[in-house]
Amino acid sequence: MESLLSIDNLTVDYETYSRRITAVDNISIELRQDEFLAVVGESGCGKSTLGLSVIGLLPKKTAKVTGSVQYKGTDLLKLRGGKIREYRGTEIAMIFQEPLTSLSPVYRVEEQIAEAIMVREARKTGHKVSSNVMQEAYTKNSSAKPSKFPTLNRRRKIPSELRDEVIEYLKLVRIPDPDQVLERYPFELSGGMTQRVMIAMALSQEPALLIADEPTTALDVTTQAQVLKLMKELIRKVRTSILLVTHDLAVASQVADRVIVMYAGEIAEDADVHGIFSKPLHPYTSGLLSCIPSGFKEDSELHAIAGTLPDLGVRSVGCKFAPRCPRVMQVCGTKRPPELTVDQNRKVSCFLYGQ
């Protein structure tokens, strides 16, 4: 399949008052067209930083990003000023972990999705996107004098054709009774509903790439299954490739075509979803799988990986997983393991292979 996103030697360092933290350490990833790729690992391994670096949302003052992020042949890291905004939203959209912190509490659902659609159309026609695009739309469709404060004009109607398109996107994410949901504020909706609104808002931009950062963390099991099924169907319906960031291997197993396992800012293993679960190669991947409860009562204790994540502010000499690895060798403490291609389309960073 054709490559959509190609990340090469990406490194992200956070500058603090006392030292430098390497959150992503020289990783390379390729995402193909119409592919569902899941990035999994423990909290603090650099998954979210990876997603934010692609879309250019890392803090410029404290985050130093090097390497290459090629999207359809364009290096996103080299774009300056407003150039990255031409890709953000319309080409690459993102679903954040906490929808209530990403949606405005003073605007109704209708207004927020409508604004995303208007921004999309403005960019398609080459017009400059105004910072108060919704206020301009209200002014055109109302005889009332525009307020100095746009939030005071909440009850003004948006164009009927725009409202119809908003309803279509809410139907796409299977929101029941979308006409009622349009009139509500985000805090009036459940966690599952706000997450669906976020997905509808992202899809209204018609992106070719959708980055989902822990989209099911705060959801109950039933709602989580519905959201995951929806995201899987979106690849077929709207031809959107998805980069899913999650700490839950069970979630990845339900929807992903390919899984990348990250540890301490590095890639431990990269394989198709069936290979990861049927025959894990890296000891860290095996450890994660053994931590998943079996689903029935056992007399033995739940397995856990010994130790903790390494200090990302200290540059390690050998393998970062060596202090926790049950199969550690002498070479693991003196050299960094290279990324090896074991089988077709399968890679692993471990000295157990290629010796």
Protein backbone atom coordinates (compact mmCIF):
# COMPACT_ATOMS: atom_id res chain seq x y z
CA MET A 1 0.00 0.00 0.00
CA GLU A 2 1.02 3.60 -0.59
CA SER A 3 2.78 5.35 2.28
CA LEU A 4 0.83 8.24 3.80
CA LEU A 5 3.05 9.21 6.73
CA SER A 6 6.75 8.47 7.05
CA ILE A 7 8.57 9.33 10.29
CA ASP A 8 12.35 9.06 10.11
CA ASN A 9 14.79 9.37 13.05
CA LEU A 10 12.35 11.44 15.11
CA THR A 11 13.71 12.68 18.45
CA VAL A 12 11.83 14.90 20.90
CA ASP A 13 13.64 16.48 23.86
CA TYR A 14 11.97 18.53 26.59
CA GLU A 15 14.12 21.23 28.12
CA THR A 16 13.55 21.71 31.86
CA TYR A 17 15.25 24.03 34.33
CA SER A 18 17.68 21.37 35.42
CA ARG A 19 18.09 18.91 32.54
CA ARG A 20 16.90 17.56 29.19
CA ILE A 21 14.26 14.80 28.99
CA THR A 22 14.27 12.62 25.87
CA ALA A 23 10.64 11.57 25.40
CA VAL A 24 11.04 10.15 21.88
CA ASP A 25 14.43 8.71 21.00
CA ASN A 26 15.31 8.35 17.30
CA ILE A 27 12.32 6.36 16.05
CA SER A 28 11.14 5.63 12.49
CA ILE A 29 7.54 4.72 11.59
CA GLU A 30 5.63 4.31 8.35
CA LEU A 31 1.84 4.56 8.13
CA ARG A 32 0.23 3.34 4.93
CA GLN A 33 -2.93 4.51 3.21
CA ASP A 34 -6.15 3.10 4.75
CA GLU A 35 -4.20 1.50 7.61
CA PHE A 36 -5.13 1.36 11.30
CA LEU A 37 -1.89 1.60 13.29
CA ALA A 38 -1.85 1.32 17.09
CA VAL A 39 1.05 2.58 19.23
CA VAL A 40 1.04 0.91 22.65
CA GLY A 41 3.18 1.04 25.78
CA GLU A 42 3.26 2.05 29.42
CA SER A 43 2.39 5.57 30.52
CA GLY A 44 5.39 7.84 29.98
CA CYS A 45 6.89 5.95 27.05
CA GLY A 46 6.39 8.83 24.59
CA LYS A 47 3.18 7.78 22.78
CA SER A 48 1.32 11.08 23.14
CA THR A 49 4.45 13.09 22.38
CA LEU A 50 4.75 11.16 19.13
CA GLY A 51 1.20 12.04 18.11
CA LEU A 52 1.53 15.70 19.06
CA SER A 53 4.82 16.04 17.17
CA VAL A 54 3.15 14.88 13.94
CA ILE A 55 0.47 17.54 14.12
CA GLY A 56 2.84 20.22 15.43
CA LEU A 57 1.23 20.87 18.82
CA LEU A 58 4.27 20.51 21.07
CA PRO A 59 5.32 23.63 23.02
CA LYS A 60 7.96 25.42 20.94
CA LYS A 61 9.74 26.92 23.94
CA THR A 62 10.45 23.66 25.73
CA ALA A 63 10.26 20.92 23.08
CA LYS A 64 13.11 20.39 20.63
CA VAL A 65 12.08 18.20 17.70
CA THR A 66 14.58 16.77 15.21
CA GLY A 67 14.29 14.26 12.39
CA SER A 68 11.74 14.09 9.60
CA VAL A 69 7.94 13.74 9.46
CA GLN A 70 7.00 13.28 5.82
CA TYR A 71 3.28 13.58 5.05
CA LYS A 72 2.45 13.01 1.37
CA GLY A 73 6.00 14.06 0.52
CA THR A 74 6.04 17.23 2.67
CA ASP A 75 8.23 17.44 5.77
CA LEU A 76 5.88 18.85 8.41
CA LEU A 77 8.76 19.72 10.75
CA LYS A 78 10.12 22.22 8.24
CA LEU A 79 6.86 24.16 7.92
CA ARG A 80 6.92 27.53 9.63
CA GLY A 81 4.30 30.03 10.73
CA GLY A 82 0.82 29.39 9.39
CA LYS A 83 1.92 26.74 6.90
CA ILE A 84 1.39 23.89 9.37
CA ARG A 85 -2.19 25.11 9.90
CA GLU A 86 -2.96 24.25 6.28
CA TYR A 87 -2.44 20.59 7.23
CA ARG A 88 -3.79 20.66 10.78
CA GLY A 89 -7.48 19.80 10.74
CA THR A 90 -8.10 19.59 7.01
CA GLU A 91 -5.40 16.97 6.31
CA ILE A 92 -4.50 15.70 9.78
CA ALA A 93 -7.05 15.75 12.60
CA MET A 94 -6.67 14.73 16.22
CA ILE A 95 -8.99 13.31 18.87
CA PHE A 96 -7.69 14.22 22.30
CA GLN A 97 -7.81 12.11 25.44
CA GLU A 98 -10.20 14.34 27.37
CA PRO A 99 -13.03 15.63 25.12
CA LEU A 100 -14.44 18.00 27.75
CA THR A 101 -11.14 19.87 27.94
CA SER A 102 -10.99 20.12 24.13
CA LEU A 103 -14.53 21.36 23.54
CA SER A 104 -15.57 24.89 24.52
CA PRO A 105 -18.07 24.89 27.41
CA VAL A 106 -19.76 28.15 26.24
CA TYR A 107 -20.67 27.05 22.71
CA ARG A 108 -23.27 24.51 21.70
CA VAL A 109 -22.34 21.35 19.82
CA GLU A 110 -23.91 22.75 16.65
CA GLU A 111 -21.70 25.84 16.67
CA GLN A 112 -18.44 23.99 17.27
CA ILE A 113 -18.90 21.44 14.49
CA ALA A 114 -20.24 24.14 12.14
CA GLU A 115 -17.13 26.23 12.72
CA ALA A 116 -14.92 23.26 11.81
CA ILE A 117 -16.85 22.82 8.54
CA MET A 118 -16.60 26.52 7.71
CA VAL A 119 -12.85 26.49 8.31
CA ARG A 120 -12.57 23.48 5.99
CA GLU A 121 -14.51 25.20 3.20
CA ALA A 122 -12.54 28.43 3.60
CA ARG A 123 -9.27 26.58 3.17
CA LYS A 124 -10.59 24.65 0.16
CA THR A 125 -11.43 27.88 -1.64
CA GLY A 126 -8.16 29.51 -0.66
CA HIS A 127 -9.75 32.16 1.56
CA LYS A 128 -8.08 33.37 4.71
CA VAL A 129 -9.59 31.79 7.80
CA SER A 130 -10.95 34.46 10.13
CA SER A 131 -10.49 34.15 13.88
CA ASN A 132 -14.21 34.91 14.36
CA VAL A 133 -15.58 32.91 11.45
CA MET A 134 -18.72 31.96 13.39
CA GLN A 135 -19.53 35.60 14.24
CA GLU A 136 -19.34 36.46 10.54
CA ALA A 137 -21.72 33.61 9.69
CA TYR A 138 -24.20 34.78 12.32
CA THR A 139 -24.07 38.34 11.02
CA LYS A 140 -24.96 37.19 7.49
CA ASN A 141 -27.95 35.21 8.74
CA SER A 142 -29.36 37.60 11.30
CA SER A 143 -30.68 41.14 11.22
CA ALA A 144 -29.64 41.69 14.84
CA LYS A 145 -26.67 43.90 15.58
CA PRO A 146 -23.55 41.74 16.18
CA SER A 147 -22.35 41.71 19.74
CA LYS A 148 -18.86 42.65 20.82
CA PHE A 149 -18.81 39.29 22.60
CA PRO A 150 -19.58 36.37 20.23
CA THR A 151 -20.59 34.05 23.09
CA LEU A 152 -23.58 36.30 23.84
CA ASN A 153 -25.03 35.52 20.40
CA ARG A 154 -25.40 31.79 21.02
CA ARG A 155 -29.04 31.53 19.96
CA ARG A 156 -28.53 32.96 16.46
CA LYS A 157 -29.17 30.45 13.70
CA ILE A 158 -26.50 29.17 11.38
CA PRO A 159 -27.33 28.58 7.68
CA SER A 160 -29.77 25.70 7.19
CA GLU A 161 -27.50 23.86 4.75
CA LEU A 162 -24.66 24.03 7.28
CA ARG A 163 -26.95 22.71 10.01
CA ASP A 164 -27.95 19.79 7.79
CA GLU A 165 -24.28 18.90 7.24
CA VAL A 166 -23.63 18.99 11.00
CA ILE A 167 -26.53 16.56 11.50
CA GLU A 168 -25.07 14.22 8.88
CA TYR A 169 -21.76 14.04 10.74
CA LEU A 170 -23.53 13.35 14.03
CA LYS A 171 -25.45 10.55 12.32
CA LEU A 172 -22.17 9.20 10.97
CA VAL A 173 -20.89 8.70 14.51
CA ARG A 174 -24.24 7.13 15.45
CA ILE A 175 -25.49 9.78 17.85
CA PRO A 176 -29.18 9.15 18.51
CA ASP A 177 -31.52 12.13 18.12
CA PRO A 178 -28.89 14.50 16.64
CA ASP A 179 -31.39 17.41 16.48
CA GLN A 180 -31.51 17.45 20.27
CA VAL A 181 -27.76 17.00 20.72
CA LEU A 182 -27.11 20.02 18.48
CA GLU A 183 -28.69 22.34 21.03
CA ARG A 184 -26.71 21.05 23.98
CA TYR A 185 -23.47 22.17 25.54
CA PRO A 186 -20.62 19.67 26.01
CA PHE A 187 -21.08 19.51 29.79
CA GLU A 188 -24.68 18.35 29.26
CA LEU A 189 -23.51 15.19 27.46
CA SER A 190 -22.07 11.93 28.76
CA GLY A 191 -18.43 10.96 28.24
CA GLY A 192 -19.29 8.67 25.34
CA MET A 193 -21.41 11.33 23.64
CA THR A 194 -18.74 14.04 23.96
CA GLN A 195 -16.16 11.64 22.53
CA ARG A 196 -18.45 10.99 19.55
CA VAL A 197 -18.88 14.75 19.10
CA MET A 198 -15.09 15.07 19.03
CA ILE A 199 -14.87 12.34 16.38
CA ALA A 200 -17.63 14.02 14.33
CA MET A 201 -15.82 17.35 14.62
CA ALA A 202 -12.56 15.78 13.45
CA LEU A 203 -14.25 13.98 10.54
CA SER A 204 -16.02 17.17 9.43
CA GLN A 205 -12.58 18.40 8.39
CA GLU A 206 -12.36 15.39 6.01
CA PRO A 207 -8.82 14.44 7.12
CA ALA A 208 -6.69 11.84 5.41
CA LEU A 209 -5.04 11.02 8.75
CA LEU A 210 -6.76 10.82 12.13
CA ILE A 211 -4.63 10.72 15.30
CA ALA A 212 -6.55 9.37 18.30
CA ASP A 213 -4.84 9.87 21.67
CA GLU A 214 -6.34 7.44 24.20
CA PRO A 215 -9.88 8.06 22.89
CA THR A 216 -11.52 5.41 25.11
CA THR A 217 -9.71 5.93 28.43
CA ALA A 218 -12.62 7.53 30.34
CA LEU A 219 -15.38 5.43 28.77
CA ASP A 220 -17.22 2.43 30.15
CA VAL A 221 -16.69 -0.95 28.47
CA THR A 222 -19.88 -0.84 26.38
CA THR A 223 -19.28 2.69 25.09
CA GLN A 224 -15.61 1.88 24.47
CA ALA A 225 -16.58 -1.04 22.24
CA GLN A 226 -18.99 1.18 20.29
CA VAL A 227 -16.40 3.92 19.74
CA LEU A 228 -13.75 1.41 18.62
CA LYS A 229 -16.17 -0.22 16.18
CA LEU A 230 -17.05 3.20 14.82
CA MET A 231 -13.39 4.13 14.27
CA LYS A 232 -12.78 0.86 12.44
CA GLU A 233 -15.74 1.51 10.14
CA LEU A 234 -14.53 5.03 9.36
CA ILE A 235 -11.52 3.69 7.44
CA ARG A 236 -13.87 2.02 5.01
CA LYS A 237 -16.48 4.78 4.82
CA VAL A 238 -14.37 7.95 4.62
CA ARG A 239 -10.94 6.53 3.66
CA THR A 240 -9.19 7.89 6.74
CA SER A 241 -5.97 6.30 8.03
CA ILE A 242 -5.83 6.15 11.84
CA LEU A 243 -2.92 6.39 14.27
CA LEU A 244 -4.22 5.18 17.63
CA VAL A 245 -2.28 5.93 20.81
CA THR A 246 -3.21 3.61 23.67
CA HIS A 247 -1.76 1.81 26.70
CA ASP A 248 -4.29 -1.00 26.36
CA LEU A 249 -3.23 -3.96 24.23
CA ALA A 250 -6.79 -5.31 24.38
CA VAL A 251 -8.01 -2.16 22.63
CA ALA A 252 -5.34 -2.49 19.94
CA SER A 253 -6.26 -6.12 19.34
CA GLN A 254 -9.84 -5.19 18.46
CA VAL A 255 -9.21 -2.57 15.80
CA ALA A 256 -5.57 -2.33 14.65
CA ASP A 257 -4.03 -3.76 11.50
CA ARG A 258 -0.53 -3.20 12.86
CA VAL A 259 0.89 -2.62 16.33
CA ILE A 260 4.00 -0.72 17.39
CA VAL A 261 5.20 -1.35 20.96
CA MET A 262 7.09 1.58 22.50
CA TYR A 263 9.31 1.53 25.55
CA ALA A 264 11.05 4.58 27.08
CA GLY A 265 10.81 6.59 23.86
CA GLU A 266 12.01 3.78 21.58
CA ILE A 267 10.33 1.16 19.39
CA ALA A 268 10.65 -2.32 20.86
CA GLU A 269 8.62 -4.20 18.25
CA ASP A 270 6.67 -3.48 15.06
CA ALA A 271 4.42 -6.19 13.62
CA ASP A 272 0.93 -6.96 12.36
CA VAL A 273 -1.66 -7.44 15.08
CA HIS A 274 -1.84 -11.22 14.69
CA GLY A 275 1.94 -11.62 15.00
CA ILE A 276 2.12 -9.48 18.13
CA PHE A 277 -0.45 -11.57 19.99
CA SER A 278 0.35 -15.02 18.64
CA LYS A 279 4.14 -14.83 18.76
CA PRO A 280 5.60 -11.79 20.57
CA LEU A 281 9.35 -11.45 19.97
CA HIS A 282 10.53 -8.72 22.34
CA PRO A 283 10.60 -9.62 26.08
CA TYR A 284 8.79 -6.36 26.83
CA THR A 285 5.93 -7.29 24.49
CA SER A 286 5.70 -10.71 26.15
CA GLY A 287 5.62 -9.01 29.55
CA LEU A 288 2.78 -6.71 28.52
CA LEU A 289 0.73 -9.60 27.20
CA SER A 290 1.24 -11.62 30.37
CA CYS A 291 -0.10 -8.68 32.40
CA ILE A 292 -3.53 -8.97 30.73
CA PRO A 293 -6.03 -10.76 33.02
CA SER A 294 -7.21 -14.11 31.65
CA GLY A 295 -10.89 -13.37 32.23
CA PHE A 296 -11.49 -16.12 34.80
CA LYS A 297 -10.49 -16.61 38.42
CA GLU A 298 -7.06 -18.08 39.08
CA ASP A 299 -5.20 -18.99 42.28
CA SER A 300 -1.97 -17.39 41.07
CA GLU A 301 -1.21 -13.68 41.38
CA LEU A 302 -1.55 -11.31 38.43
CA HIS A 303 1.77 -11.08 36.64
CA ALA A 304 3.59 -7.73 36.52
CA ILE A 305 6.80 -6.58 34.85
CA ALA A 306 9.45 -6.10 37.53
CA GLY A 307 10.99 -2.67 38.04
CA THR A 308 9.98 0.72 36.66
CA LEU A 309 10.57 2.81 33.56
CA PRO A 310 14.10 4.26 33.33
CA ASP A 311 14.84 7.92 33.99
CA LEU A 312 14.46 9.58 30.59
CA GLY A 313 16.73 12.39 31.72
CA VAL A 314 19.70 10.02 31.96
CA ARG A 315 21.29 8.83 28.72
CA SER A 316 21.59 5.05 28.87
CA VAL A 317 24.50 3.14 27.31
CA GLY A 318 22.84 -0.21 26.61
CA CYS A 319 19.30 -1.47 26.16
CA LYS A 320 16.81 0.57 28.17
CA PHE A 321 14.78 -2.51 29.04
CA ALA A 322 17.82 -4.48 30.28
CA PRO A 323 17.27 -3.77 34.04
CA ARG A 324 13.77 -5.27 33.80
CA CYS A 325 14.38 -7.98 31.21
CA PRO A 326 14.15 -11.65 32.31
CA ARG A 327 16.36 -12.68 29.35
CA VAL A 328 19.07 -10.05 29.72
CA MET A 329 22.54 -10.81 28.33
CA GLN A 330 25.94 -9.20 28.91
CA VAL A 331 25.82 -7.31 25.62
CA CYS A 332 22.54 -5.65 26.64
CA GLY A 333 24.34 -3.46 29.19
CA THR A 334 27.02 -2.19 26.81
CA LYS A 335 25.32 -1.63 23.43
CA ARG A 336 22.02 -0.32 22.10
CA PRO A 337 20.14 -3.07 20.25
CA PRO A 338 19.69 -2.36 16.51
CA GLU A 339 16.33 -2.58 14.80
CA LEU A 340 16.25 -5.92 12.99
CA THR A 341 13.87 -7.14 10.31
CA VAL A 342 12.95 -10.66 11.46
CA ASP A 343 10.11 -11.60 9.13
CA GLN A 344 8.36 -9.82 6.29
CA ASN A 345 7.03 -6.49 7.59
CA ARG A 346 8.14 -7.35 11.15
CA LYS A 347 10.83 -5.56 13.14
CA VAL A 348 12.25 -5.94 16.63
CA SER A 349 14.98 -4.18 18.62
CA CYS A 350 16.60 -6.95 20.66
CA PHE A 351 19.93 -8.84 20.80
CA LEU A 352 18.06 -12.15 21.05
CA TYR A 353 17.70 -12.03 17.28
CA GLY A 354 20.28 -11.64 14.55
CA GLN A 355 23.14 -13.02 16.65
